[in-house]
Amino acid sequence: MTPPTDTPDSSGASATAGTAAPAGPRDARGWLREHSEIGVGLLLLALGVLVLTDALTMSVDLTQRGPVGPRTVPVVVGTGLLVVAVLLTLDVLRGGRGEAEGGEDIDLAEPSDWRTVLLLAGVFLANAVLIGPLGFPISGALLFWGSAYALGSRHHDRDPLIAAGLSLLTYFVFNNLLGVPLPGGPLMGVL
C-alpha cells in the first residue's frame, strides 16, 4: 500500500489524494443556489397541504352532497399541487433547470409599469367595496371596464357595453346555472 501523495488540483494548489475536501457552509449555499427551484416545490407542497386540509375539514350539509360536492374541486386542486410539487422537486434533483427569462418578450432593463399595477389594484378594491351596495352586475361591469382601461384599451364606446354584457353573463351563470348566489343590488327586481 502506497501512502497518499500530494497532487496539484485544477487551481494549482496541492490536495492529498484519497481525501475529500470538507463540506462547509459555502458548499451548502452553492448547492442551494444551484437548486433554488426546490423552494418553489416547497411552496407548492405547502399550498397543496393547506388546500387539502381546508377541503377535507369543510363541513358539508347532507342536502349539498351529490356526485360533485363542494369538496371535489379543492381536493383535485390540492392533489394536483402536491403532484406538481413532487415532480418539480424530482426534476430539479435530477439536474433539470428552469429557462432564463432572456427568451421572453420583455425588456428586463425597462422599469415596472406601476401605473397599470396601481390602476388594476384600485379597480379590484373598488369592486370589493361596491359589490355589496351596487350588486354584482354593476360592480362587475365596473371591474371589467376598469381592467380593460388599465390594461390599455381606449374604446370608450364599446368597452362599457362589453363589460356590462360580461357582467350580466357572469351573474346569470353563477346565480342561475351554478346556484352560487351573487348580490343583485338595485337590479335584483329587474333581473
N, C-alpha and C. Protein backbone atom coordinates (compact mmCIF):
# COMPACT_ATOMS: atom_id res chain seq x y z
N MET A 1 0.85 -1.17 0.00
CA MET A 1 0.00 0.00 0.00
C MET A 1 0.89 1.23 0.00
N THR A 2 0.60 2.16 -0.90
CA THR A 2 1.42 3.37 -1.01
C THR A 2 0.78 4.50 -0.26
N PRO A 3 1.58 5.34 0.36
CA PRO A 3 1.00 6.48 1.09
C PRO A 3 0.43 7.50 0.10
N PRO A 4 -0.55 8.28 0.55
CA PRO A 4 -1.13 9.30 -0.33
C PRO A 4 -0.08 10.34 -0.68
N THR A 5 -0.17 10.82 -1.90
CA THR A 5 0.78 11.81 -2.38
C THR A 5 0.06 13.11 -2.64
N ASP A 6 0.84 14.18 -2.55
CA ASP A 6 0.26 15.49 -2.85
C ASP A 6 0.27 15.68 -4.35
N THR A 7 -0.89 15.99 -4.92
CA THR A 7 -1.00 16.25 -6.35
C THR A 7 -1.68 17.59 -6.54
N PRO A 8 -1.26 18.36 -7.53
CA PRO A 8 -1.91 19.66 -7.75
C PRO A 8 -3.30 19.46 -8.33
N ASP A 9 -4.25 20.27 -7.88
CA ASP A 9 -5.58 20.22 -8.48
C ASP A 9 -5.69 21.27 -9.58
N SER A 10 -6.89 21.48 -10.10
CA SER A 10 -7.06 22.39 -11.24
C SER A 10 -6.70 23.83 -10.90
N SER A 11 -6.72 24.21 -9.63
CA SER A 11 -6.39 25.59 -9.29
C SER A 11 -4.90 25.76 -9.01
N GLY A 12 -4.14 24.66 -9.05
CA GLY A 12 -2.71 24.76 -8.83
C GLY A 12 -2.32 24.44 -7.40
N ALA A 13 -3.27 24.38 -6.48
CA ALA A 13 -2.97 24.04 -5.10
C ALA A 13 -2.88 22.53 -4.98
N SER A 14 -2.13 22.08 -4.01
CA SER A 14 -1.99 20.63 -3.88
C SER A 14 -3.05 20.11 -2.93
N ALA A 15 -3.55 18.93 -3.23
CA ALA A 15 -4.53 18.27 -2.38
C ALA A 15 -4.05 16.86 -2.17
N THR A 16 -4.32 16.32 -1.04
CA THR A 16 -3.90 14.96 -0.77
C THR A 16 -4.84 14.02 -1.46
N ALA A 17 -4.29 13.10 -2.26
CA ALA A 17 -5.11 12.14 -2.99
C ALA A 17 -5.77 11.21 -2.00
N GLY A 18 -7.02 10.88 -2.24
CA GLY A 18 -7.73 9.93 -1.42
C GLY A 18 -8.51 10.56 -0.29
N THR A 19 -8.42 11.87 -0.10
CA THR A 19 -9.20 12.54 0.93
C THR A 19 -10.13 13.53 0.28
N ALA A 20 -11.31 13.65 0.83
CA ALA A 20 -12.29 14.58 0.29
C ALA A 20 -12.20 15.89 1.04
N ALA A 21 -12.48 16.97 0.33
CA ALA A 21 -12.48 18.28 0.97
C ALA A 21 -13.69 18.38 1.88
N PRO A 22 -13.55 18.98 3.04
CA PRO A 22 -14.69 19.08 3.95
C PRO A 22 -15.77 19.98 3.36
N ALA A 23 -17.01 19.54 3.52
CA ALA A 23 -18.14 20.32 3.02
C ALA A 23 -18.48 21.38 4.06
N GLY A 24 -18.40 22.62 3.66
CA GLY A 24 -18.66 23.71 4.58
C GLY A 24 -19.92 24.45 4.20
N PRO A 25 -20.19 25.56 4.87
CA PRO A 25 -21.38 26.34 4.57
C PRO A 25 -21.37 26.91 3.16
N ARG A 26 -20.18 27.17 2.63
CA ARG A 26 -20.13 27.70 1.25
C ARG A 26 -20.62 26.66 0.26
N ASP A 27 -20.28 25.39 0.48
CA ASP A 27 -20.74 24.35 -0.40
C ASP A 27 -22.25 24.19 -0.32
N ALA A 28 -22.80 24.29 0.88
CA ALA A 28 -24.25 24.18 1.05
C ALA A 28 -24.97 25.34 0.37
N ARG A 29 -24.42 26.55 0.51
CA ARG A 29 -25.05 27.70 -0.14
C ARG A 29 -24.98 27.58 -1.66
N GLY A 30 -23.86 27.07 -2.15
CA GLY A 30 -23.73 26.87 -3.59
C GLY A 30 -24.73 25.85 -4.11
N TRP A 31 -24.90 24.77 -3.33
CA TRP A 31 -25.86 23.74 -3.74
C TRP A 31 -27.28 24.30 -3.73
N LEU A 32 -27.61 25.08 -2.70
CA LEU A 32 -28.95 25.67 -2.63
C LEU A 32 -29.17 26.66 -3.76
N ARG A 33 -28.12 27.43 -4.10
CA ARG A 33 -28.25 28.39 -5.19
C ARG A 33 -28.49 27.66 -6.52
N GLU A 34 -27.82 26.54 -6.72
CA GLU A 34 -28.00 25.78 -7.96
C GLU A 34 -29.34 25.06 -8.01
N HIS A 35 -29.94 24.81 -6.87
CA HIS A 35 -31.21 24.08 -6.81
C HIS A 35 -32.30 24.95 -6.19
N SER A 36 -32.31 26.22 -6.53
CA SER A 36 -33.26 27.16 -5.92
C SER A 36 -34.72 26.85 -6.28
N GLU A 37 -34.94 26.12 -7.36
CA GLU A 37 -36.31 25.79 -7.75
C GLU A 37 -36.98 24.87 -6.73
N ILE A 38 -36.19 24.25 -5.85
CA ILE A 38 -36.77 23.41 -4.81
C ILE A 38 -37.64 24.27 -3.89
N GLY A 39 -37.31 25.54 -3.74
CA GLY A 39 -38.14 26.45 -2.95
C GLY A 39 -39.54 26.57 -3.52
N VAL A 40 -39.65 26.60 -4.85
CA VAL A 40 -40.97 26.64 -5.49
C VAL A 40 -41.72 25.35 -5.20
N GLY A 41 -40.99 24.23 -5.25
CA GLY A 41 -41.61 22.94 -4.93
C GLY A 41 -42.12 22.91 -3.50
N LEU A 42 -41.35 23.48 -2.57
CA LEU A 42 -41.79 23.52 -1.18
C LEU A 42 -43.01 24.42 -1.01
N LEU A 43 -43.04 25.54 -1.73
CA LEU A 43 -44.20 26.43 -1.67
C LEU A 43 -45.45 25.72 -2.21
N LEU A 44 -45.30 25.02 -3.34
CA LEU A 44 -46.43 24.28 -3.90
C LEU A 44 -46.88 23.17 -2.95
N LEU A 45 -45.94 22.51 -2.30
CA LEU A 45 -46.27 21.47 -1.34
C LEU A 45 -47.07 22.05 -0.17
N ALA A 46 -46.63 23.20 0.35
CA ALA A 46 -47.35 23.84 1.46
C ALA A 46 -48.75 24.27 1.03
N LEU A 47 -48.87 24.84 -0.18
CA LEU A 47 -50.20 25.24 -0.67
C LEU A 47 -51.10 24.03 -0.86
N GLY A 48 -50.55 22.94 -1.39
CA GLY A 48 -51.34 21.72 -1.57
C GLY A 48 -51.84 21.17 -0.26
N VAL A 49 -50.97 21.13 0.75
CA VAL A 49 -51.38 20.64 2.07
C VAL A 49 -52.45 21.56 2.66
N LEU A 50 -52.28 22.87 2.51
CA LEU A 50 -53.26 23.82 3.03
C LEU A 50 -54.62 23.64 2.35
N VAL A 51 -54.63 23.52 1.03
CA VAL A 51 -55.89 23.36 0.29
C VAL A 51 -56.56 22.04 0.66
N LEU A 52 -55.79 20.95 0.73
CA LEU A 52 -56.38 19.66 1.09
C LEU A 52 -56.90 19.65 2.52
N THR A 53 -56.16 20.25 3.43
CA THR A 53 -56.61 20.31 4.82
C THR A 53 -57.91 21.10 4.93
N ASP A 54 -57.97 22.23 4.24
CA ASP A 54 -59.18 23.05 4.26
C ASP A 54 -60.35 22.32 3.62
N ALA A 55 -60.10 21.62 2.52
CA ALA A 55 -61.18 20.92 1.83
C ALA A 55 -61.70 19.74 2.63
N LEU A 56 -60.80 19.00 3.25
CA LEU A 56 -61.23 17.80 3.97
C LEU A 56 -61.85 18.11 5.32
N THR A 57 -61.61 19.30 5.87
CA THR A 57 -62.23 19.68 7.13
C THR A 57 -63.47 20.55 6.92
N MET A 58 -63.86 20.73 5.67
CA MET A 58 -65.04 21.54 5.35
C MET A 58 -66.31 20.80 5.79
N SER A 59 -67.20 21.51 6.47
CA SER A 59 -68.46 20.88 6.85
C SER A 59 -69.43 20.98 5.68
N VAL A 60 -70.00 19.83 5.34
CA VAL A 60 -70.90 19.76 4.20
C VAL A 60 -72.25 19.25 4.68
N ASP A 61 -73.29 20.00 4.36
CA ASP A 61 -74.64 19.61 4.72
C ASP A 61 -75.08 18.45 3.84
N LEU A 62 -75.90 17.57 4.38
CA LEU A 62 -76.34 16.41 3.61
C LEU A 62 -77.09 16.80 2.34
N THR A 63 -77.78 17.94 2.37
CA THR A 63 -78.53 18.36 1.19
C THR A 63 -77.61 18.90 0.09
N GLN A 64 -76.37 19.25 0.45
CA GLN A 64 -75.44 19.79 -0.54
C GLN A 64 -74.65 18.70 -1.24
N ARG A 65 -74.73 17.48 -0.76
CA ARG A 65 -73.94 16.41 -1.36
C ARG A 65 -74.57 15.95 -2.66
N GLY A 66 -73.76 15.49 -3.52
CA GLY A 66 -74.19 14.95 -4.79
C GLY A 66 -72.99 14.28 -5.42
N PRO A 67 -73.08 13.97 -6.69
CA PRO A 67 -71.91 13.33 -7.32
C PRO A 67 -70.69 14.24 -7.30
N VAL A 68 -70.90 15.54 -7.41
CA VAL A 68 -69.81 16.50 -7.33
C VAL A 68 -70.20 17.51 -6.26
N GLY A 69 -69.59 17.38 -5.08
CA GLY A 69 -69.91 18.26 -3.97
C GLY A 69 -68.95 19.42 -3.89
N PRO A 70 -69.07 20.21 -2.82
CA PRO A 70 -68.21 21.37 -2.67
C PRO A 70 -66.75 21.02 -2.36
N ARG A 71 -66.49 19.78 -1.98
CA ARG A 71 -65.11 19.36 -1.69
C ARG A 71 -64.35 18.92 -2.94
N THR A 72 -65.04 18.61 -4.00
CA THR A 72 -64.41 17.97 -5.16
C THR A 72 -63.31 18.82 -5.78
N VAL A 73 -63.61 20.05 -6.13
CA VAL A 73 -62.63 20.89 -6.81
C VAL A 73 -61.43 21.19 -5.91
N PRO A 74 -61.62 21.56 -4.63
CA PRO A 74 -60.44 21.79 -3.80
C PRO A 74 -59.57 20.54 -3.61
N VAL A 75 -60.19 19.37 -3.53
CA VAL A 75 -59.40 18.13 -3.40
C VAL A 75 -58.60 17.88 -4.67
N VAL A 76 -59.21 18.10 -5.82
CA VAL A 76 -58.49 17.90 -7.10
C VAL A 76 -57.35 18.91 -7.21
N VAL A 77 -57.61 20.17 -6.87
CA VAL A 77 -56.57 21.20 -6.96
C VAL A 77 -55.45 20.92 -5.97
N GLY A 78 -55.79 20.57 -4.73
CA GLY A 78 -54.77 20.26 -3.73
C GLY A 78 -53.92 19.07 -4.11
N THR A 79 -54.56 18.02 -4.63
CA THR A 79 -53.81 16.85 -5.09
C THR A 79 -52.91 17.22 -6.26
N GLY A 80 -53.41 18.02 -7.18
CA GLY A 80 -52.59 18.47 -8.30
C GLY A 80 -51.38 19.27 -7.84
N LEU A 81 -51.57 20.14 -6.84
CA LEU A 81 -50.45 20.90 -6.30
C LEU A 81 -49.39 19.98 -5.69
N LEU A 82 -49.83 18.96 -4.97
CA LEU A 82 -48.88 18.02 -4.38
C LEU A 82 -48.11 17.25 -5.46
N VAL A 83 -48.82 16.80 -6.48
CA VAL A 83 -48.16 16.06 -7.56
C VAL A 83 -47.14 16.93 -8.28
N VAL A 84 -47.52 18.16 -8.60
CA VAL A 84 -46.61 19.08 -9.28
C VAL A 84 -45.40 19.39 -8.40
N ALA A 85 -45.62 19.56 -7.09
CA ALA A 85 -44.51 19.84 -6.17
C ALA A 85 -43.51 18.69 -6.17
N VAL A 86 -44.00 17.46 -6.11
CA VAL A 86 -43.11 16.30 -6.10
C VAL A 86 -42.38 16.17 -7.44
N LEU A 87 -43.10 16.32 -8.55
CA LEU A 87 -42.47 16.19 -9.87
C LEU A 87 -41.43 17.28 -10.10
N LEU A 88 -41.72 18.51 -9.68
CA LEU A 88 -40.77 19.60 -9.84
C LEU A 88 -39.51 19.35 -9.01
N THR A 89 -39.69 18.92 -7.78
CA THR A 89 -38.53 18.65 -6.92
C THR A 89 -37.68 17.52 -7.48
N LEU A 90 -38.32 16.46 -7.95
CA LEU A 90 -37.56 15.35 -8.55
C LEU A 90 -36.81 15.82 -9.79
N ASP A 91 -37.44 16.64 -10.61
CA ASP A 91 -36.78 17.15 -11.82
C ASP A 91 -35.57 18.00 -11.46
N VAL A 92 -35.70 18.84 -10.45
CA VAL A 92 -34.58 19.69 -10.04
C VAL A 92 -33.44 18.84 -9.48
N LEU A 93 -33.78 17.84 -8.66
CA LEU A 93 -32.74 16.98 -8.09
C LEU A 93 -32.03 16.15 -9.16
N ARG A 94 -32.70 15.88 -10.26
CA ARG A 94 -32.09 15.13 -11.37
C ARG A 94 -31.32 16.03 -12.32
N GLY A 95 -31.28 17.33 -12.04
CA GLY A 95 -30.48 18.24 -12.86
C GLY A 95 -31.27 19.16 -13.76
N GLY A 96 -32.59 19.11 -13.70
CA GLY A 96 -33.41 19.99 -14.52
C GLY A 96 -33.30 21.44 -14.06
N ARG A 97 -33.30 22.35 -14.99
CA ARG A 97 -33.19 23.77 -14.68
C ARG A 97 -34.29 24.52 -15.42
N GLY A 98 -34.77 25.60 -14.81
CA GLY A 98 -35.75 26.45 -15.47
C GLY A 98 -35.09 27.32 -16.52
N GLU A 99 -35.86 27.70 -17.50
CA GLU A 99 -35.36 28.58 -18.56
C GLU A 99 -35.13 29.98 -18.00
N ALA A 100 -34.10 30.62 -18.45
CA ALA A 100 -33.86 32.01 -18.06
C ALA A 100 -34.88 32.90 -18.75
N GLU A 101 -35.13 34.06 -18.17
CA GLU A 101 -36.15 34.95 -18.72
C GLU A 101 -35.70 35.66 -19.99
N GLY A 102 -34.49 35.44 -20.43
CA GLY A 102 -34.00 36.11 -21.62
C GLY A 102 -34.79 35.76 -22.87
N GLY A 103 -35.44 34.60 -22.88
CA GLY A 103 -36.19 34.17 -24.05
C GLY A 103 -37.58 34.78 -24.13
N GLU A 104 -38.02 35.42 -23.06
CA GLU A 104 -39.35 36.01 -23.08
C GLU A 104 -39.31 37.35 -23.81
N ASP A 105 -40.47 37.80 -24.19
CA ASP A 105 -40.58 39.04 -24.95
C ASP A 105 -40.74 40.23 -24.02
N ILE A 106 -39.81 40.36 -23.08
CA ILE A 106 -39.81 41.51 -22.18
C ILE A 106 -38.41 42.10 -22.13
N ASP A 107 -38.35 43.36 -21.86
CA ASP A 107 -37.07 44.03 -21.72
C ASP A 107 -36.80 44.21 -20.23
N LEU A 108 -35.84 43.44 -19.71
CA LEU A 108 -35.56 43.48 -18.29
C LEU A 108 -34.95 44.80 -17.85
N ALA A 109 -34.46 45.60 -18.79
CA ALA A 109 -33.87 46.89 -18.45
C ALA A 109 -34.95 47.96 -18.21
N GLU A 110 -36.17 47.74 -18.70
CA GLU A 110 -37.26 48.70 -18.54
C GLU A 110 -37.80 48.63 -17.11
N PRO A 111 -38.20 49.76 -16.54
CA PRO A 111 -38.79 49.74 -15.20
C PRO A 111 -40.20 49.15 -15.24
N SER A 112 -40.69 48.77 -14.08
CA SER A 112 -42.05 48.22 -13.98
C SER A 112 -43.07 49.31 -14.29
N ASP A 113 -44.22 48.89 -14.80
CA ASP A 113 -45.31 49.82 -15.11
C ASP A 113 -46.22 49.92 -13.90
N TRP A 114 -45.83 50.75 -12.94
CA TRP A 114 -46.57 50.86 -11.69
C TRP A 114 -47.94 51.51 -11.89
N ARG A 115 -48.10 52.32 -12.92
CA ARG A 115 -49.40 52.94 -13.17
C ARG A 115 -50.45 51.86 -13.44
N THR A 116 -50.11 50.90 -14.29
CA THR A 116 -51.05 49.82 -14.60
C THR A 116 -51.33 48.98 -13.37
N VAL A 117 -50.30 48.66 -12.62
CA VAL A 117 -50.48 47.84 -11.41
C VAL A 117 -51.39 48.55 -10.42
N LEU A 118 -51.16 49.83 -10.20
CA LEU A 118 -51.98 50.58 -9.25
C LEU A 118 -53.41 50.76 -9.73
N LEU A 119 -53.59 50.98 -11.05
CA LEU A 119 -54.95 51.07 -11.58
C LEU A 119 -55.70 49.76 -11.40
N LEU A 120 -55.05 48.63 -11.69
CA LEU A 120 -55.70 47.33 -11.51
C LEU A 120 -56.03 47.07 -10.04
N ALA A 121 -55.09 47.40 -9.15
CA ALA A 121 -55.35 47.22 -7.72
C ALA A 121 -56.53 48.09 -7.27
N GLY A 122 -56.60 49.32 -7.77
CA GLY A 122 -57.72 50.20 -7.44
C GLY A 122 -59.04 49.67 -7.94
N VAL A 123 -59.04 49.11 -9.15
CA VAL A 123 -60.27 48.56 -9.73
C VAL A 123 -60.75 47.37 -8.89
N PHE A 124 -59.83 46.50 -8.49
CA PHE A 124 -60.21 45.34 -7.68
C PHE A 124 -60.72 45.77 -6.30
N LEU A 125 -60.05 46.75 -5.69
CA LEU A 125 -60.51 47.24 -4.38
C LEU A 125 -61.87 47.91 -4.50
N ALA A 126 -62.08 48.69 -5.56
CA ALA A 126 -63.38 49.33 -5.77
C ALA A 126 -64.47 48.27 -5.95
N ASN A 127 -64.17 47.20 -6.65
CA ASN A 127 -65.14 46.12 -6.83
C ASN A 127 -65.48 45.49 -5.48
N ALA A 128 -64.48 45.27 -4.64
CA ALA A 128 -64.73 44.67 -3.33
C ALA A 128 -65.60 45.57 -2.46
N VAL A 129 -65.43 46.88 -2.58
CA VAL A 129 -66.22 47.81 -1.77
C VAL A 129 -67.63 47.98 -2.35
N LEU A 130 -67.76 47.97 -3.67
CA LEU A 130 -69.04 48.29 -4.31
C LEU A 130 -69.94 47.08 -4.54
N ILE A 131 -69.43 45.87 -4.40
CA ILE A 131 -70.25 44.70 -4.74
C ILE A 131 -71.45 44.56 -3.80
N GLY A 132 -71.30 44.96 -2.54
CA GLY A 132 -72.41 44.89 -1.60
C GLY A 132 -73.52 45.88 -1.91
N PRO A 133 -73.22 47.17 -1.96
CA PRO A 133 -74.30 48.14 -2.19
C PRO A 133 -74.82 48.17 -3.63
N LEU A 134 -73.96 47.97 -4.62
CA LEU A 134 -74.40 48.07 -6.01
C LEU A 134 -74.79 46.72 -6.61
N GLY A 135 -74.33 45.63 -6.04
CA GLY A 135 -74.60 44.31 -6.60
C GLY A 135 -73.56 43.94 -7.64
N PHE A 136 -73.52 42.64 -7.96
CA PHE A 136 -72.50 42.17 -8.88
C PHE A 136 -72.67 42.68 -10.30
N PRO A 137 -73.88 42.77 -10.85
CA PRO A 137 -73.96 43.24 -12.25
C PRO A 137 -73.33 44.61 -12.47
N ILE A 138 -73.53 45.54 -11.56
CA ILE A 138 -72.96 46.88 -11.74
C ILE A 138 -71.47 46.89 -11.37
N SER A 139 -71.12 46.31 -10.20
CA SER A 139 -69.71 46.33 -9.80
C SER A 139 -68.87 45.45 -10.72
N GLY A 140 -69.44 44.37 -11.22
CA GLY A 140 -68.71 43.53 -12.18
C GLY A 140 -68.46 44.26 -13.48
N ALA A 141 -69.45 45.03 -13.95
CA ALA A 141 -69.26 45.81 -15.17
C ALA A 141 -68.15 46.85 -14.96
N LEU A 142 -68.15 47.49 -13.79
CA LEU A 142 -67.08 48.44 -13.50
C LEU A 142 -65.72 47.74 -13.41
N LEU A 143 -65.71 46.53 -12.85
CA LEU A 143 -64.47 45.75 -12.77
C LEU A 143 -63.93 45.41 -14.16
N PHE A 144 -64.79 44.90 -15.02
CA PHE A 144 -64.35 44.52 -16.36
C PHE A 144 -63.92 45.73 -17.18
N TRP A 145 -64.71 46.81 -17.12
CA TRP A 145 -64.36 48.00 -17.88
C TRP A 145 -63.08 48.64 -17.33
N GLY A 146 -62.97 48.74 -16.00
CA GLY A 146 -61.78 49.33 -15.40
C GLY A 146 -60.52 48.52 -15.69
N SER A 147 -60.64 47.19 -15.70
CA SER A 147 -59.49 46.34 -16.02
C SER A 147 -59.06 46.54 -17.47
N ALA A 148 -60.03 46.61 -18.37
CA ALA A 148 -59.69 46.84 -19.78
C ALA A 148 -59.02 48.20 -19.95
N TYR A 149 -59.52 49.22 -19.27
CA TYR A 149 -58.92 50.55 -19.35
C TYR A 149 -57.50 50.54 -18.78
N ALA A 150 -57.32 49.90 -17.63
CA ALA A 150 -55.99 49.86 -17.00
C ALA A 150 -54.98 49.13 -17.88
N LEU A 151 -55.44 48.14 -18.63
CA LEU A 151 -54.54 47.38 -19.49
C LEU A 151 -54.35 48.01 -20.86
N GLY A 152 -54.98 49.17 -21.10
CA GLY A 152 -54.65 49.92 -22.31
C GLY A 152 -55.73 50.06 -23.34
N SER A 153 -56.91 49.49 -23.15
CA SER A 153 -57.97 49.63 -24.13
C SER A 153 -58.59 51.02 -24.02
N ARG A 154 -58.74 51.70 -25.14
CA ARG A 154 -59.29 53.06 -25.14
C ARG A 154 -60.51 53.17 -26.06
N HIS A 155 -61.28 52.11 -26.16
CA HIS A 155 -62.51 52.12 -26.95
C HIS A 155 -63.66 52.49 -26.01
N HIS A 156 -63.86 53.80 -25.81
CA HIS A 156 -64.82 54.27 -24.83
C HIS A 156 -66.26 54.01 -25.22
N ASP A 157 -66.52 53.69 -26.46
CA ASP A 157 -67.89 53.42 -26.87
C ASP A 157 -68.25 51.95 -26.72
N ARG A 158 -67.35 51.04 -26.98
CA ARG A 158 -67.71 49.62 -26.93
C ARG A 158 -67.29 48.92 -25.64
N ASP A 159 -66.24 49.38 -24.97
CA ASP A 159 -65.77 48.70 -23.76
C ASP A 159 -66.83 48.64 -22.66
N PRO A 160 -67.54 49.72 -22.36
CA PRO A 160 -68.58 49.61 -21.32
C PRO A 160 -69.69 48.63 -21.70
N LEU A 161 -70.04 48.55 -22.98
CA LEU A 161 -71.08 47.60 -23.41
C LEU A 161 -70.61 46.16 -23.26
N ILE A 162 -69.37 45.89 -23.65
CA ILE A 162 -68.81 44.54 -23.49
C ILE A 162 -68.71 44.19 -22.01
N ALA A 163 -68.29 45.15 -21.20
CA ALA A 163 -68.16 44.91 -19.76
C ALA A 163 -69.52 44.61 -19.14
N ALA A 164 -70.56 45.35 -19.53
CA ALA A 164 -71.90 45.11 -18.99
C ALA A 164 -72.40 43.73 -19.43
N GLY A 165 -72.16 43.38 -20.68
CA GLY A 165 -72.57 42.05 -21.17
C GLY A 165 -71.86 40.92 -20.43
N LEU A 166 -70.54 41.06 -20.24
CA LEU A 166 -69.79 40.04 -19.50
C LEU A 166 -70.27 39.94 -18.06
N SER A 167 -70.56 41.07 -17.44
CA SER A 167 -71.01 41.07 -16.07
C SER A 167 -72.37 40.38 -15.93
N LEU A 168 -73.29 40.71 -16.81
CA LEU A 168 -74.60 40.06 -16.76
C LEU A 168 -74.50 38.57 -17.05
N LEU A 169 -73.68 38.19 -18.02
CA LEU A 169 -73.50 36.78 -18.34
C LEU A 169 -72.90 36.04 -17.14
N THR A 170 -71.90 36.63 -16.50
CA THR A 170 -71.29 36.01 -15.33
C THR A 170 -72.31 35.89 -14.20
N TYR A 171 -73.11 36.93 -13.99
CA TYR A 171 -74.13 36.90 -12.94
C TYR A 171 -75.12 35.77 -13.18
N PHE A 172 -75.62 35.66 -14.41
CA PHE A 172 -76.61 34.62 -14.70
C PHE A 172 -76.02 33.22 -14.60
N VAL A 173 -74.78 33.04 -15.06
CA VAL A 173 -74.16 31.72 -14.98
C VAL A 173 -73.99 31.30 -13.53
N PHE A 174 -73.45 32.19 -12.70
CA PHE A 174 -73.23 31.83 -11.31
C PHE A 174 -74.53 31.73 -10.53
N ASN A 175 -75.43 32.69 -10.71
CA ASN A 175 -76.64 32.74 -9.92
C ASN A 175 -77.65 31.69 -10.35
N ASN A 176 -77.87 31.53 -11.64
CA ASN A 176 -78.95 30.65 -12.11
C ASN A 176 -78.46 29.25 -12.48
N LEU A 177 -77.33 29.13 -13.12
CA LEU A 177 -76.89 27.81 -13.57
C LEU A 177 -76.10 27.05 -12.51
N LEU A 178 -75.20 27.73 -11.82
CA LEU A 178 -74.36 27.07 -10.83
C LEU A 178 -74.95 27.11 -9.42
N GLY A 179 -75.94 27.95 -9.20
CA GLY A 179 -76.56 28.04 -7.88
C GLY A 179 -75.72 28.77 -6.86
N VAL A 180 -74.78 29.60 -7.31
CA VAL A 180 -73.96 30.41 -6.40
C VAL A 180 -74.58 31.79 -6.36
N PRO A 181 -75.23 32.14 -5.25
CA PRO A 181 -75.92 33.44 -5.21
C PRO A 181 -74.93 34.60 -5.15
N LEU A 182 -75.09 35.53 -6.07
CA LEU A 182 -74.32 36.76 -6.08
C LEU A 182 -75.26 37.91 -5.76
N PRO A 183 -74.78 38.94 -5.08
CA PRO A 183 -75.67 40.06 -4.75
C PRO A 183 -76.13 40.78 -6.02
N GLY A 184 -77.44 40.97 -6.10
CA GLY A 184 -78.00 41.62 -7.28
C GLY A 184 -78.06 43.12 -7.15
N GLY A 185 -78.07 43.63 -5.91
CA GLY A 185 -78.13 45.06 -5.71
C GLY A 185 -79.44 45.66 -6.15
N PRO A 186 -79.45 46.90 -6.62
CA PRO A 186 -80.68 47.55 -7.04
C PRO A 186 -81.32 46.88 -8.27
N LEU A 187 -80.57 46.11 -9.01
CA LEU A 187 -81.12 45.44 -10.18
C LEU A 187 -81.78 44.11 -9.84
N MET A 188 -81.85 43.76 -8.54
CA MET A 188 -82.39 42.46 -8.14
C MET A 188 -83.81 42.26 -8.64
N GLY A 189 -84.65 43.27 -8.56
CA GLY A 189 -86.02 43.15 -9.03
C GLY A 189 -86.13 43.06 -10.54
N VAL A 190 -85.19 43.66 -11.24
CA VAL A 190 -85.22 43.68 -12.70
C VAL A 190 -84.70 42.37 -13.27
N LEU A 191 -83.65 41.84 -12.67
CA LEU A 191 -83.02 40.61 -13.16
C LEU A 191 -83.75 39.43 -12.62
